Structures are given as C-alpha cells and as structure tokens.
Amino acid sequence: MSPEFQAILFDLDGVIVLSEDLHARAKQVTLEKYGIAYPDNLFKDFKGRPDLVFWNHVSEKLALGRFLLMNWIVTREAFSLAYRRK
C-alpha cells in the first residue's frame, strides 16, 4: 500500500528559506581554503546559476589549471562550516 499524501512542498530559494547568501559564503570559504583569488563581483555574477557552472568557471578561469573541477562535496562541507559560524 502506498502512503497517502495530503501535500507536497517545494521550496524555491527565497520562498521559505533564503539560502543564497549562505551558499555564497560557503563558496567563499572554499575558495579561501584553497588559496584561489576571486573578484569582488564573482558571487553576484553567479547568483541563481547552478553550482556546476560556478565551479567550472572557478576551475577554468580562477584556479588556472590547479584543479580539474572543484568537487561539490567540498562546497557542502564549507556550507556546513559557514552555517555554524553564523
């Protein structure tokens, strides 16, 4: 027997939880951890775009070949660290 649902809730960023700033902070922590310099407008330029697009840009343009592709697990760890600091 399948469960009976009364409702399904979808959270689009900013509707219930505004997490964009927290994601930006997690990315900032990650870049700093690996010593990757970034322009001040980086997070604003990638706001609302998929993480894979962001990390591909970092890997290709900012890390200058030091990393093939930043791993999303590192971001998740940094996200957790940034959340604890808040």
C-alpha atoms as a PDB file:
ATOM      1  CA  MET A   1       0.000   0.000   0.000  1.00  0.00           C
ATOM      2  CA  SER A   2       1.419   3.397  -0.953  1.00  0.00           C
ATOM      3  CA  PRO A   3       1.351   6.319   1.504  1.00  0.00           C
ATOM      4  CA  GLU A   4      -1.358   8.891   1.066  1.00  0.00           C
ATOM      5  CA  PHE A   5      -0.050  12.420   0.718  1.00  0.00           C
ATOM      6  CA  GLN A   6      -2.037  15.470   1.690  1.00  0.00           C
ATOM      7  CA  ALA A   7       0.503  17.948   0.370  1.00  0.00           C
ATOM      8  CA  ILE A   8       3.865  18.269  -1.323  1.00  0.00           C
ATOM      9  CA  LEU A   9       6.018  21.284  -0.520  1.00  0.00           C
ATOM     10  CA  PHE A  10       8.590  22.685  -2.936  1.00  0.00           C
ATOM     11  CA  ASP A  11      10.974  25.330  -1.620  1.00  0.00           C
ATOM     12  CA  LEU A  12      12.269  27.607  -4.332  1.00  0.00           C
ATOM     13  CA  ASP A  13      15.105  29.651  -2.894  1.00  0.00           C
ATOM     14  CA  GLY A  14      13.720  32.695  -1.162  1.00  0.00           C
ATOM     15  CA  VAL A  15      10.184  31.394  -0.692  1.00  0.00           C
ATOM     16  CA  ILE A  16      10.655  29.621   2.635  1.00  0.00           C
ATOM     17  CA  VAL A  17      14.402  29.685   3.222  1.00  0.00           C
ATOM     18  CA  LEU A  18      16.654  32.376   1.796  1.00  0.00           C
ATOM     19  CA  SER A  19      19.894  30.439   1.333  1.00  0.00           C
ATOM     20  CA  GLU A  20      21.639  32.309  -1.494  1.00  0.00           C
ATOM     21  CA  ASP A  21      23.891  34.282   0.884  1.00  0.00           C
ATOM     22  CA  LEU A  22      24.787  31.119   2.775  1.00  0.00           C
ATOM     23  CA  HIS A  23      25.721  29.352  -0.466  1.00  0.00           C
ATOM     24  CA  ALA A  24      27.870  32.325  -1.487  1.00  0.00           C
ATOM     25  CA  ARG A  25      29.611  32.234   1.897  1.00  0.00           C
ATOM     26  CA  ALA A  26      30.273  28.503   1.535  1.00  0.00           C
ATOM     27  CA  LYS A  27      31.840  29.090  -1.867  1.00  0.00           C
ATOM     28  CA  GLN A  28      33.915  31.947  -0.448  1.00  0.00           C
ATOM     29  CA  VAL A  29      35.180  29.707   2.379  1.00  0.00           C
ATOM     30  CA  THR A  30      36.090  27.019  -0.159  1.00  0.00           C
ATOM     31  CA  LEU A  31      37.975  29.409  -2.434  1.00  0.00           C
ATOM     32  CA  GLU A  32      39.877  30.860   0.507  1.00  0.00           C
ATOM     33  CA  LYS A  33      40.703  27.383   1.822  1.00  0.00           C
ATOM     34  CA  TYR A  34      42.382  26.548  -1.493  1.00  0.00           C
ATOM     35  CA  GLY A  35      44.015  29.960  -1.915  1.00  0.00           C
ATOM     36  CA  ILE A  36      42.074  30.879  -5.052  1.00  0.00           C
ATOM     37  CA  ALA A  37      41.810  34.639  -5.614  1.00  0.00           C
ATOM     38  CA  TYR A  38      38.466  35.876  -6.904  1.00  0.00           C
ATOM     39  CA  PRO A  39      36.965  39.208  -7.980  1.00  0.00           C
ATOM     40  CA  ASP A  40      34.552  41.028  -5.671  1.00  0.00           C
ATOM     41  CA  ASN A  41      31.640  40.559  -8.077  1.00  0.00           C
ATOM     42  CA  LEU A  42      32.075  36.770  -8.503  1.00  0.00           C
ATOM     43  CA  PHE A  43      29.206  35.659  -6.270  1.00  0.00           C
ATOM     44  CA  LYS A  44      26.850  38.329  -7.592  1.00  0.00           C
ATOM     45  CA  ASP A  45      27.632  37.289 -11.185  1.00  0.00           C
ATOM     46  CA  PHE A  46      26.783  33.650 -10.456  1.00  0.00           C
ATOM     47  CA  LYS A  47      23.766  34.240  -8.221  1.00  0.00           C
ATOM     48  CA  GLY A  48      20.944  31.900  -9.198  1.00  0.00           C
ATOM     49  CA  ARG A  49      23.120  29.816 -11.506  1.00  0.00           C
ATOM     50  CA  PRO A  50      23.882  26.119 -10.958  1.00  0.00           C
ATOM     51  CA  ASP A  51      26.870  25.244  -8.778  1.00  0.00           C
ATOM     52  CA  LEU A  52      28.389  23.222 -11.607  1.00  0.00           C
ATOM     53  CA  VAL A  53      28.558  26.365 -13.782  1.00  0.00           C
ATOM     54  CA  PHE A  54      30.194  28.279 -10.925  1.00  0.00           C
ATOM     55  CA  TRP A  55      32.780  25.573 -10.201  1.00  0.00           C
ATOM     56  CA  ASN A  56      33.567  25.076 -13.884  1.00  0.00           C
ATOM     57  CA  HIS A  57      34.309  28.805 -14.096  1.00  0.00           C
ATOM     58  CA  VAL A  58      36.480  28.633 -10.980  1.00  0.00           C
ATOM     59  CA  SER A  59      38.335  25.597 -12.292  1.00  0.00           C
ATOM     60  CA  GLU A  60      38.936  27.007 -15.778  1.00  0.00           C
ATOM     61  CA  LYS A  61      39.413  30.740 -15.112  1.00  0.00           C
ATOM     62  CA  LEU A  62      40.463  31.266 -11.497  1.00  0.00           C
ATOM     63  CA  ALA A  63      42.283  28.104 -10.418  1.00  0.00           C
ATOM     64  CA  LEU A  64      44.406  28.263 -13.568  1.00  0.00           C
ATOM     65  CA  GLY A  65      44.608  24.522 -14.045  1.00  0.00           C
ATOM     66  CA  ARG A  66      45.399  23.681 -10.422  1.00  0.00           C
ATOM     67  CA  PHE A  67      42.110  21.805 -10.165  1.00  0.00           C
ATOM     68  CA  LEU A  68      40.351  19.920 -12.921  1.00  0.00           C
ATOM     69  CA  LEU A  69      36.974  20.565 -11.328  1.00  0.00           C
ATOM     70  CA  MET A  70      36.069  21.651  -7.806  1.00  0.00           C
ATOM     71  CA  ASN A  71      34.072  18.911  -6.128  1.00  0.00           C
ATOM     72  CA  TRP A  72      30.600  19.738  -4.817  1.00  0.00           C
ATOM     73  CA  ILE A  73      31.341  17.740  -1.665  1.00  0.00           C
ATOM     74  CA  VAL A  74      33.910  20.385  -0.681  1.00  0.00           C
ATOM     75  CA  THR A  75      31.217  23.033  -1.112  1.00  0.00           C
ATOM     76  CA  ARG A  76      28.824  21.045   1.035  1.00  0.00           C
ATOM     77  CA  GLU A  77      31.431  20.831   3.790  1.00  0.00           C
ATOM     78  CA  ALA A  78      32.098  24.565   3.526  1.00  0.00           C
ATOM     79  CA  PHE A  79      28.357  25.247   3.567  1.00  0.00           C
ATOM     80  CA  SER A  80      28.132  23.374   6.851  1.00  0.00           C
ATOM     81  CA  LEU A  81      31.102  25.309   8.251  1.00  0.00           C
ATOM     82  CA  ALA A  82      29.664  28.683   7.156  1.00  0.00           C
ATOM     83  CA  TYR A  83      26.300  27.800   8.693  1.00  0.00           C
ATOM     84  CA  ARG A  84      27.942  27.026  12.051  1.00  0.00           C
ATOM     85  CA  ARG A  85      29.731  30.402  12.020  1.00  0.00           C
ATOM     86  CA  LYS A  86      26.520  32.389  11.528  1.00  0.00           C
END
